[in-house]
Amino acid sequence: MKVIKTLLAIGVMTASFAPHAEVGLNFHRDLSPIIVNGEGMGYALFSNSEHTLDNGTNQIVFRMSRLIENGGERDKFNSDAFVLSFDAEDIDLRLEPVMRVLRGSDGIEFNRNPKVALVDEAGNHIKFTIDTLPAGKALIRDYEKDLVNYNKVNGIATEQAELAVVQAVAATEAAPVVKVVTVNTGEVGPVSMIQYWMEKATPVENDKFMTWAFENRALDSVKPIEGSQALNMLGYWYSEAKVDERKKILAWLISQ
């Protein structure tokens, strides 16, 4: 929705809005979008929780990510991935949890029964369907391929699913595409390099790094992390970070 800013004129305040031509979707801070209408969200230093979608049927994949209490310690909880589909036109919506996830037992319950609500600006609930996104057989999870398989198995035909199938087929017939991430030379440092290498790493490697970072958050000398080049570089830059930089990194990881 394109909003015209409020105009002030001689003591009179008025607000006018242009007609809706799309659907606005905002995610609660504890809910992380993974795929929005076939487009993988990846990782960014400042996560974008607001998205503009086309009118009609929309499909997203999300999970809950937050710190929880676990045996007196604070651990990062990443829920299963869920597929949510809904129909909407000319409206602004918000996806939010309707249950408190504070402990490990709450996380287990959320995975079993993800209680979320899709509401408009007036608090009205919008109907949707939700299901767990089954993981594929690959060692490293590819959420986009998992969604393509899910849609195929369930007979869900979407433009995004069809495009993803074409891209998946093309990928098997061509050389791998290297994802290029640009980092401004004037901003090179632990925070920006963590962002850079999380873009290079797989979702599984990113989860491993996040768990490792929180386990070593209070240590002056962090334990080494072993794995791929991306994991090694993530560990290196985290160990090089100063106290204030680590706080920024950890705050960002919590928001993922």
C-alpha atoms as a PDB file:
ATOM      1  CA  MET A   1       0.000   0.000   0.000  1.00  0.00           C
ATOM      2  CA  LYS A   2       1.393   3.395  -0.994  1.00  0.00           C
ATOM      3  CA  VAL A   3       0.706   5.835   1.817  1.00  0.00           C
ATOM      4  CA  ILE A   4       0.646   9.586   1.194  1.00  0.00           C
ATOM      5  CA  LYS A   5       2.239  11.350   4.130  1.00  0.00           C
ATOM      6  CA  THR A   6      -0.020  13.372   6.399  1.00  0.00           C
ATOM      7  CA  LEU A   7      -0.397  16.952   5.238  1.00  0.00           C
ATOM      8  CA  LEU A   8      -0.481  19.821   7.690  1.00  0.00           C
ATOM      9  CA  ALA A   9      -2.171  23.015   6.550  1.00  0.00           C
ATOM     10  CA  ILE A  10      -3.243  25.967   8.741  1.00  0.00           C
ATOM     11  CA  GLY A  11      -4.063  23.897  11.773  1.00  0.00           C
ATOM     12  CA  VAL A  12      -5.900  21.212   9.810  1.00  0.00           C
ATOM     13  CA  MET A  13      -4.406  17.701   9.701  1.00  0.00           C
ATOM     14  CA  THR A  14      -5.578  15.243   7.085  1.00  0.00           C
ATOM     15  CA  ALA A  15      -4.316  11.889   5.859  1.00  0.00           C
ATOM     16  CA  SER A  16      -4.996  10.313   2.496  1.00  0.00           C
ATOM     17  CA  PHE A  17      -4.111   6.872   1.200  1.00  0.00           C
ATOM     18  CA  ALA A  18      -3.615   5.710  -2.354  1.00  0.00           C
ATOM     19  CA  PRO A  19      -5.693   2.662  -3.316  1.00  0.00           C
ATOM     20  CA  HIS A  20      -4.210  -0.729  -2.442  1.00  0.00           C
ATOM     21  CA  ALA A  21      -2.674  -2.576  -5.334  1.00  0.00           C
ATOM     22  CA  GLU A  22      -0.853  -5.239  -3.375  1.00  0.00           C
ATOM     23  CA  VAL A  23      -0.532  -7.121  -0.108  1.00  0.00           C
ATOM     24  CA  GLY A  24       1.833  -5.959   2.622  1.00  0.00           C
ATOM     25  CA  LEU A  25       3.190  -8.692   4.900  1.00  0.00           C
ATOM     26  CA  ASN A  26       5.098  -8.039   8.101  1.00  0.00           C
ATOM     27  CA  PHE A  27       6.726 -10.754  10.256  1.00  0.00           C
ATOM     28  CA  HIS A  28       6.881 -10.714  14.047  1.00  0.00           C
ATOM     29  CA  ARG A  29      10.476 -10.468  15.306  1.00  0.00           C
ATOM     30  CA  ASP A  30      10.444 -14.127  16.421  1.00  0.00           C
ATOM     31  CA  LEU A  31       9.292 -15.407  13.011  1.00  0.00           C
ATOM     32  CA  SER A  32      11.897 -15.552  10.270  1.00  0.00           C
ATOM     33  CA  PRO A  33      10.914 -15.771   6.589  1.00  0.00           C
ATOM     34  CA  ILE A  34      12.867 -18.410   4.672  1.00  0.00           C
ATOM     35  CA  ILE A  35      11.045 -18.302   1.343  1.00  0.00           C
ATOM     36  CA  VAL A  36       8.490 -15.752   0.152  1.00  0.00           C
ATOM     37  CA  ASN A  37       6.630 -16.743  -3.015  1.00  0.00           C
ATOM     38  CA  GLY A  38       9.461 -18.957  -4.210  1.00  0.00           C
ATOM     39  CA  GLU A  39      12.256 -16.487  -3.435  1.00  0.00           C
ATOM     40  CA  GLY A  40      14.784 -17.553  -0.814  1.00  0.00           C
ATOM     41  CA  MET A  41      15.481 -14.854   1.753  1.00  0.00           C
ATOM     42  CA  GLY A  42      19.037 -15.908   2.613  1.00  0.00           C
ATOM     43  CA  TYR A  43      20.866 -14.000   5.351  1.00  0.00           C
ATOM     44  CA  ALA A  44      21.350 -10.252   5.625  1.00  0.00           C
ATOM     45  CA  LEU A  45      22.940  -8.126   8.322  1.00  0.00           C
ATOM     46  CA  PHE A  46      19.665  -6.320   8.869  1.00  0.00           C
ATOM     47  CA  SER A  47      16.802  -8.731   8.334  1.00  0.00           C
ATOM     48  CA  ASN A  48      13.862  -7.336   6.387  1.00  0.00           C
ATOM     49  CA  SER A  49      10.616  -8.275   8.095  1.00  0.00           C
ATOM     50  CA  GLU A  50       8.379  -6.329   5.706  1.00  0.00           C
ATOM     51  CA  HIS A  51       7.443  -7.657   2.274  1.00  0.00           C
ATOM     52  CA  THR A  52       5.208  -6.531  -0.572  1.00  0.00           C
ATOM     53  CA  LEU A  53       3.300  -9.340  -2.291  1.00  0.00           C
ATOM     54  CA  ASP A  54       0.975  -9.541  -5.257  1.00  0.00           C
ATOM     55  CA  ASN A  55      -2.765  -9.763  -4.792  1.00  0.00           C
ATOM     56  CA  GLY A  56      -4.091 -13.315  -4.843  1.00  0.00           C
ATOM     57  CA  THR A  57      -2.612 -16.547  -3.489  1.00  0.00           C
ATOM     58  CA  ASN A  58       0.688 -16.257  -1.642  1.00  0.00           C
ATOM     59  CA  GLN A  59       2.906 -18.938  -0.162  1.00  0.00           C
ATOM     60  CA  ILE A  60       5.662 -18.474   2.406  1.00  0.00           C
ATOM     61  CA  VAL A  61       8.033 -20.678   4.362  1.00  0.00           C
ATOM     62  CA  PHE A  62       9.038 -19.493   7.834  1.00  0.00           C
ATOM     63  CA  ARG A  63      10.324 -20.700  11.173  1.00  0.00           C
ATOM     64  CA  MET A  64      10.523 -19.381  14.714  1.00  0.00           C
ATOM     65  CA  SER A  65      13.973 -18.243  15.851  1.00  0.00           C
ATOM     66  CA  ARG A  66      14.532 -16.984  19.382  1.00  0.00           C
ATOM     67  CA  LEU A  67      16.494 -17.508  22.582  1.00  0.00           C
ATOM     68  CA  ILE A  68      14.936 -19.894  25.095  1.00  0.00           C
ATOM     69  CA  GLU A  69      15.720 -21.115  28.605  1.00  0.00           C
ATOM     70  CA  ASN A  70      17.315 -24.550  28.625  1.00  0.00           C
ATOM     71  CA  GLY A  71      18.598 -25.973  31.906  1.00  0.00           C
ATOM     72  CA  GLY A  72      19.603 -22.578  33.260  1.00  0.00           C
ATOM     73  CA  GLU A  73      21.293 -21.582  29.995  1.00  0.00           C
ATOM     74  CA  ARG A  74      20.083 -19.431  27.127  1.00  0.00           C
ATOM     75  CA  ASP A  75      20.035 -21.370  23.844  1.00  0.00           C
ATOM     76  CA  LYS A  76      18.980 -20.442  20.339  1.00  0.00           C
ATOM     77  CA  PHE A  77      15.795 -22.214  19.276  1.00  0.00           C
ATOM     78  CA  ASN A  78      15.165 -22.660  15.571  1.00  0.00           C
ATOM     79  CA  SER A  79      11.859 -24.387  14.912  1.00  0.00           C
ATOM     80  CA  ASP A  80      10.964 -26.646  12.031  1.00  0.00           C
ATOM     81  CA  ALA A  81      10.171 -24.934   8.745  1.00  0.00           C
ATOM     82  CA  PHE A  82       6.476 -24.392   7.984  1.00  0.00           C
ATOM     83  CA  VAL A  83       4.618 -23.705   4.743  1.00  0.00           C
ATOM     84  CA  LEU A  84       1.832 -21.162   5.018  1.00  0.00           C
ATOM     85  CA  SER A  85      -0.535 -20.222   2.175  1.00  0.00           C
ATOM     86  CA  PHE A  86      -3.260 -17.593   2.077  1.00  0.00           C
ATOM     87  CA  ASP A  87      -5.409 -15.534  -0.285  1.00  0.00           C
ATOM     88  CA  ALA A  88      -5.577 -11.774   0.143  1.00  0.00           C
ATOM     89  CA  GLU A  89      -6.035  -8.576  -1.830  1.00  0.00           C
ATOM     90  CA  ASP A  90      -5.338  -4.914  -1.099  1.00  0.00           C
ATOM     91  CA  ILE A  91      -4.494  -5.350   2.578  1.00  0.00           C
ATOM     92  CA  ASP A  92      -1.646  -5.075   5.090  1.00  0.00           C
ATOM     93  CA  LEU A  93      -1.070  -8.193   7.182  1.00  0.00           C
ATOM     94  CA  ARG A  94       1.116  -9.328  10.067  1.00  0.00           C
ATOM     95  CA  LEU A  95       2.189 -12.878  10.896  1.00  0.00           C
ATOM     96  CA  GLU A  96       2.694 -13.369  14.622  1.00  0.00           C
ATOM     97  CA  PRO A  97       2.891 -16.215  17.160  1.00  0.00           C
ATOM     98  CA  VAL A  98      -0.029 -16.725  19.524  1.00  0.00           C
ATOM     99  CA  MET A  99       1.819 -18.908  22.017  1.00  0.00           C
ATOM    100  CA  ARG A 100       4.784 -18.169  24.276  1.00  0.00           C
ATOM    101  CA  VAL A 101       7.945 -20.123  23.550  1.00  0.00           C
ATOM    102  CA  LEU A 102      10.229 -19.658  26.546  1.00  0.00           C
ATOM    103  CA  ARG A 103      11.634 -23.143  27.192  1.00  0.00           C
ATOM    104  CA  GLY A 104      12.632 -26.265  25.320  1.00  0.00           C
ATOM    105  CA  SER A 105       9.275 -27.897  26.045  1.00  0.00           C
ATOM    106  CA  ASP A 106       7.521 -24.911  24.460  1.00  0.00           C
ATOM    107  CA  GLY A 107       9.662 -25.348  21.368  1.00  0.00           C
ATOM    108  CA  ILE A 108       8.660 -28.995  21.085  1.00  0.00           C
ATOM    109  CA  GLU A 109       4.996 -27.985  21.319  1.00  0.00           C
ATOM    110  CA  PHE A 110       5.440 -25.250  18.696  1.00  0.00           C
ATOM    111  CA  ASN A 111       6.978 -27.753  16.287  1.00  0.00           C
ATOM    112  CA  ARG A 112       4.047 -30.092  16.928  1.00  0.00           C
ATOM    113  CA  ASN A 113       1.400 -27.372  16.653  1.00  0.00           C
ATOM    114  CA  PRO A 114       2.681 -24.019  15.355  1.00  0.00           C
ATOM    115  CA  LYS A 115       0.171 -21.530  16.734  1.00  0.00           C
ATOM    116  CA  VAL A 116       0.411 -18.384  14.639  1.00  0.00           C
ATOM    117  CA  ALA A 117      -2.084 -15.775  13.455  1.00  0.00           C
ATOM    118  CA  LEU A 118      -2.332 -13.751  10.265  1.00  0.00           C
ATOM    119  CA  VAL A 119      -4.048 -10.492  11.125  1.00  0.00           C
ATOM    120  CA  ASP A 120      -4.854  -7.224   9.395  1.00  0.00           C
ATOM    121  CA  GLU A 121      -4.396  -3.727  10.810  1.00  0.00           C
ATOM    122  CA  ALA A 122      -7.760  -3.924  12.579  1.00  0.00           C
ATOM    123  CA  GLY A 123      -6.866  -7.210  14.273  1.00  0.00           C
ATOM    124  CA  ASN A 124      -9.115  -9.328  12.068  1.00  0.00           C
ATOM    125  CA  HIS A 125      -7.868 -12.861  11.472  1.00  0.00           C
ATOM    126  CA  ILE A 126      -7.202 -13.989   7.906  1.00  0.00           C
ATOM    127  CA  LYS A 127      -7.678 -17.644   6.962  1.00  0.00           C
ATOM    128  CA  PHE A 128      -4.614 -19.644   5.953  1.00  0.00           C
ATOM    129  CA  THR A 129      -3.325 -23.182   5.641  1.00  0.00           C
ATOM    130  CA  ILE A 130      -0.151 -24.313   7.377  1.00  0.00           C
ATOM    131  CA  ASP A 131       1.934 -27.469   7.225  1.00  0.00           C
ATOM    132  CA  THR A 132       5.408 -28.652   8.173  1.00  0.00           C
ATOM    133  CA  LEU A 133       7.850 -28.524   5.258  1.00  0.00           C
ATOM    134  CA  PRO A 134       9.412 -32.004   5.034  1.00  0.00           C
ATOM    135  CA  ALA A 135      13.182 -32.099   4.653  1.00  0.00           C
ATOM    136  CA  GLY A 136      14.734 -33.752   1.625  1.00  0.00           C
ATOM    137  CA  LYS A 137      17.266 -36.553   1.751  1.00  0.00           C
ATOM    138  CA  ALA A 138      20.282 -34.324   1.085  1.00  0.00           C
ATOM    139  CA  LEU A 139      22.797 -33.857   3.906  1.00  0.00           C
ATOM    140  CA  ILE A 140      22.639 -30.085   3.456  1.00  0.00           C
ATOM    141  CA  ARG A 141      19.095 -28.804   3.436  1.00  0.00           C
ATOM    142  CA  ASP A 142      17.842 -26.827   0.451  1.00  0.00           C
ATOM    143  CA  TYR A 143      14.559 -25.215   1.494  1.00  0.00           C
ATOM    144  CA  GLU A 144      13.692 -24.077  -2.015  1.00  0.00           C
ATOM    145  CA  LYS A 145      13.982 -27.591  -3.454  1.00  0.00           C
ATOM    146  CA  ASP A 146      12.070 -28.962  -0.466  1.00  0.00           C
ATOM    147  CA  LEU A 147       9.255 -26.520  -1.239  1.00  0.00           C
ATOM    148  CA  VAL A 148       9.221 -27.528  -4.903  1.00  0.00           C
ATOM    149  CA  ASN A 149       8.909 -31.190  -3.869  1.00  0.00           C
ATOM    150  CA  TYR A 150       6.211 -30.322  -1.325  1.00  0.00           C
ATOM    151  CA  ASN A 151       4.134 -28.499  -3.917  1.00  0.00           C
ATOM    152  CA  LYS A 152       4.594 -31.312  -6.410  1.00  0.00           C
ATOM    153  CA  VAL A 153       3.548 -34.022  -3.938  1.00  0.00           C
ATOM    154  CA  ASN A 154       0.522 -32.023  -2.832  1.00  0.00           C
ATOM    155  CA  GLY A 155      -0.516 -30.970  -6.330  1.00  0.00           C
ATOM    156  CA  ILE A 156       0.011 -27.285  -5.627  1.00  0.00           C
ATOM    157  CA  ALA A 157       0.660 -25.404  -8.853  1.00  0.00           C
ATOM    158  CA  THR A 158       2.159 -21.953  -8.432  1.00  0.00           C
ATOM    159  CA  GLU A 159       4.178 -19.783 -10.750  1.00  0.00           C
ATOM    160  CA  GLN A 160       6.984 -19.857  -8.220  1.00  0.00           C
ATOM    161  CA  ALA A 161       6.923 -23.659  -8.009  1.00  0.00           C
ATOM    162  CA  GLU A 162       6.991 -24.040 -11.783  1.00  0.00           C
ATOM    163  CA  LEU A 163       9.851 -21.562 -12.073  1.00  0.00           C
ATOM    164  CA  ALA A 164      11.770 -23.363  -9.315  1.00  0.00           C
ATOM    165  CA  VAL A 165      11.363 -26.676 -11.178  1.00  0.00           C
ATOM    166  CA  VAL A 166      12.773 -25.123 -14.355  1.00  0.00           C
ATOM    167  CA  GLN A 167      15.667 -23.636 -12.410  1.00  0.00           C
ATOM    168  CA  ALA A 168      16.365 -26.931 -10.635  1.00  0.00           C
ATOM    169  CA  VAL A 169      16.463 -28.792 -13.950  1.00  0.00           C
ATOM    170  CA  ALA A 170      18.668 -26.139 -15.509  1.00  0.00           C
ATOM    171  CA  ALA A 171      21.039 -26.308 -12.554  1.00  0.00           C
ATOM    172  CA  THR A 172      21.710 -29.994 -13.212  1.00  0.00           C
ATOM    173  CA  GLU A 173      22.640 -29.202 -16.819  1.00  0.00           C
ATOM    174  CA  ALA A 174      24.888 -26.225 -16.205  1.00  0.00           C
ATOM    175  CA  ALA A 175      27.879 -25.261 -14.108  1.00  0.00           C
ATOM    176  CA  PRO A 176      27.123 -24.227 -10.518  1.00  0.00           C
ATOM    177  CA  VAL A 177      26.210 -20.576 -10.059  1.00  0.00           C
ATOM    178  CA  VAL A 178      28.534 -18.776  -7.663  1.00  0.00           C
ATOM    179  CA  LYS A 179      26.750 -16.334  -5.423  1.00  0.00           C
ATOM    180  CA  VAL A 180      28.619 -13.040  -5.295  1.00  0.00           C
ATOM    181  CA  VAL A 181      28.390 -10.922  -2.168  1.00  0.00           C
ATOM    182  CA  THR A 182      29.771  -7.397  -2.260  1.00  0.00           C
ATOM    183  CA  VAL A 183      31.373  -5.893   0.839  1.00  0.00           C
ATOM    184  CA  ASN A 184      32.502  -2.268   0.731  1.00  0.00           C
ATOM    185  CA  THR A 185      36.237  -2.056   1.397  1.00  0.00           C
ATOM    186  CA  GLY A 186      35.708   0.818   3.797  1.00  0.00           C
ATOM    187  CA  GLU A 187      33.480  -1.378   5.946  1.00  0.00           C
ATOM    188  CA  VAL A 188      35.595  -4.535   6.150  1.00  0.00           C
ATOM    189  CA  GLY A 189      35.684  -5.821   9.718  1.00  0.00           C
ATOM    190  CA  PRO A 190      34.291  -8.632  11.883  1.00  0.00           C
ATOM    191  CA  VAL A 191      30.645  -7.534  11.562  1.00  0.00           C
ATOM    192  CA  SER A 192      30.649  -7.131   7.769  1.00  0.00           C
ATOM    193  CA  MET A 193      32.754 -10.256   7.257  1.00  0.00           C
ATOM    194  CA  ILE A 194      30.374 -12.335   9.397  1.00  0.00           C
ATOM    195  CA  GLN A 195      27.627 -11.114   7.043  1.00  0.00           C
ATOM    196  CA  TYR A 196      29.756 -12.014   4.009  1.00  0.00           C
ATOM    197  CA  TRP A 197      30.580 -15.555   5.115  1.00  0.00           C
ATOM    198  CA  MET A 198      27.042 -16.317   6.301  1.00  0.00           C
ATOM    199  CA  GLU A 199      25.948 -15.581   2.738  1.00  0.00           C
ATOM    200  CA  LYS A 200      28.556 -18.074   1.531  1.00  0.00           C
ATOM    201  CA  ALA A 201      27.669 -20.777   4.087  1.00  0.00           C
ATOM    202  CA  THR A 202      24.785 -23.223   3.870  1.00  0.00           C
ATOM    203  CA  PRO A 203      21.771 -22.999   6.230  1.00  0.00           C
ATOM    204  CA  VAL A 204      23.118 -25.983   8.193  1.00  0.00           C
ATOM    205  CA  GLU A 205      26.532 -24.324   8.543  1.00  0.00           C
ATOM    206  CA  ASN A 206      24.897 -21.073   9.637  1.00  0.00           C
ATOM    207  CA  ASP A 207      22.932 -22.905  12.329  1.00  0.00           C
ATOM    208  CA  LYS A 208      26.154 -24.560  13.529  1.00  0.00           C
ATOM    209  CA  PHE A 209      27.928 -21.209  13.664  1.00  0.00           C
ATOM    210  CA  MET A 210      25.077 -19.523  15.566  1.00  0.00           C
ATOM    211  CA  THR A 211      25.042 -22.288  18.186  1.00  0.00           C
ATOM    212  CA  TRP A 212      28.829 -22.065  18.497  1.00  0.00           C
ATOM    213  CA  ALA A 213      28.812 -18.269  18.802  1.00  0.00           C
ATOM    214  CA  PHE A 214      26.319 -18.306  21.688  1.00  0.00           C
ATOM    215  CA  GLU A 215      28.224 -21.075  23.454  1.00  0.00           C
ATOM    216  CA  ASN A 216      31.387 -18.935  23.261  1.00  0.00           C
ATOM    217  CA  ARG A 217      29.754 -15.567  23.895  1.00  0.00           C
ATOM    218  CA  ALA A 218      31.308 -15.099  27.369  1.00  0.00           C
ATOM    219  CA  LEU A 219      34.751 -16.563  26.620  1.00  0.00           C
ATOM    220  CA  ASP A 220      37.876 -14.449  26.073  1.00  0.00           C
ATOM    221  CA  SER A 221      39.463 -17.268  24.091  1.00  0.00           C
ATOM    222  CA  VAL A 222      36.866 -18.993  21.941  1.00  0.00           C
ATOM    223  CA  LYS A 223      37.010 -22.662  21.073  1.00  0.00           C
ATOM    224  CA  PRO A 224      37.847 -23.345  17.411  1.00  0.00           C
ATOM    225  CA  ILE A 225      35.079 -24.341  15.051  1.00  0.00           C
ATOM    226  CA  GLU A 226      35.904 -26.887  12.365  1.00  0.00           C
ATOM    227  CA  GLY A 227      34.295 -27.495   9.024  1.00  0.00           C
ATOM    228  CA  SER A 228      34.140 -25.807   5.651  1.00  0.00           C
ATOM    229  CA  GLN A 229      36.042 -22.701   4.637  1.00  0.00           C
ATOM    230  CA  ALA A 230      32.942 -20.632   5.403  1.00  0.00           C
ATOM    231  CA  LEU A 231      32.715 -22.044   8.944  1.00  0.00           C
ATOM    232  CA  ASN A 232      36.434 -21.507   9.552  1.00  0.00           C
ATOM    233  CA  MET A 233      36.193 -17.892   8.395  1.00  0.00           C
ATOM    234  CA  LEU A 234      33.078 -17.266  10.503  1.00  0.00           C
ATOM    235  CA  GLY A 235      34.952 -18.577  13.538  1.00  0.00           C
ATOM    236  CA  TYR A 236      38.020 -16.503  12.703  1.00  0.00           C
ATOM    237  CA  TRP A 237      36.161 -13.215  12.330  1.00  0.00           C
ATOM    238  CA  TYR A 238      34.091 -13.826  15.456  1.00  0.00           C
ATOM    239  CA  SER A 239      37.264 -14.449  17.467  1.00  0.00           C
ATOM    240  CA  GLU A 240      38.726 -11.221  16.025  1.00  0.00           C
ATOM    241  CA  ALA A 241      35.694  -9.168  17.034  1.00  0.00           C
ATOM    242  CA  LYS A 242      35.917  -6.705  19.909  1.00  0.00           C
ATOM    243  CA  VAL A 243      33.388  -6.748  22.735  1.00  0.00           C
ATOM    244  CA  ASP A 244      31.073  -4.179  21.150  1.00  0.00           C
ATOM    245  CA  GLU A 245      31.352  -5.916  17.775  1.00  0.00           C
ATOM    246  CA  ARG A 246      30.428  -9.271  19.313  1.00  0.00           C
ATOM    247  CA  LYS A 247      27.379  -7.659  20.883  1.00  0.00           C
ATOM    248  CA  LYS A 248      26.302  -6.414  17.474  1.00  0.00           C
ATOM    249  CA  ILE A 249      26.905  -9.832  15.926  1.00  0.00           C
ATOM    250  CA  LEU A 250      24.987 -11.665  18.656  1.00  0.00           C
ATOM    251  CA  ALA A 251      22.110  -9.186  18.515  1.00  0.00           C
ATOM    252  CA  TRP A 252      21.865  -9.774  14.790  1.00  0.00           C
ATOM    253  CA  LEU A 253      22.011 -13.568  15.201  1.00  0.00           C
ATOM    254  CA  ILE A 254      19.114 -13.363  17.668  1.00  0.00           C
ATOM    255  CA  SER A 255      17.084 -11.522  15.033  1.00  0.00           C
ATOM    256  CA  GLN A 256      17.681 -14.203  12.391  1.00  0.00           C
END
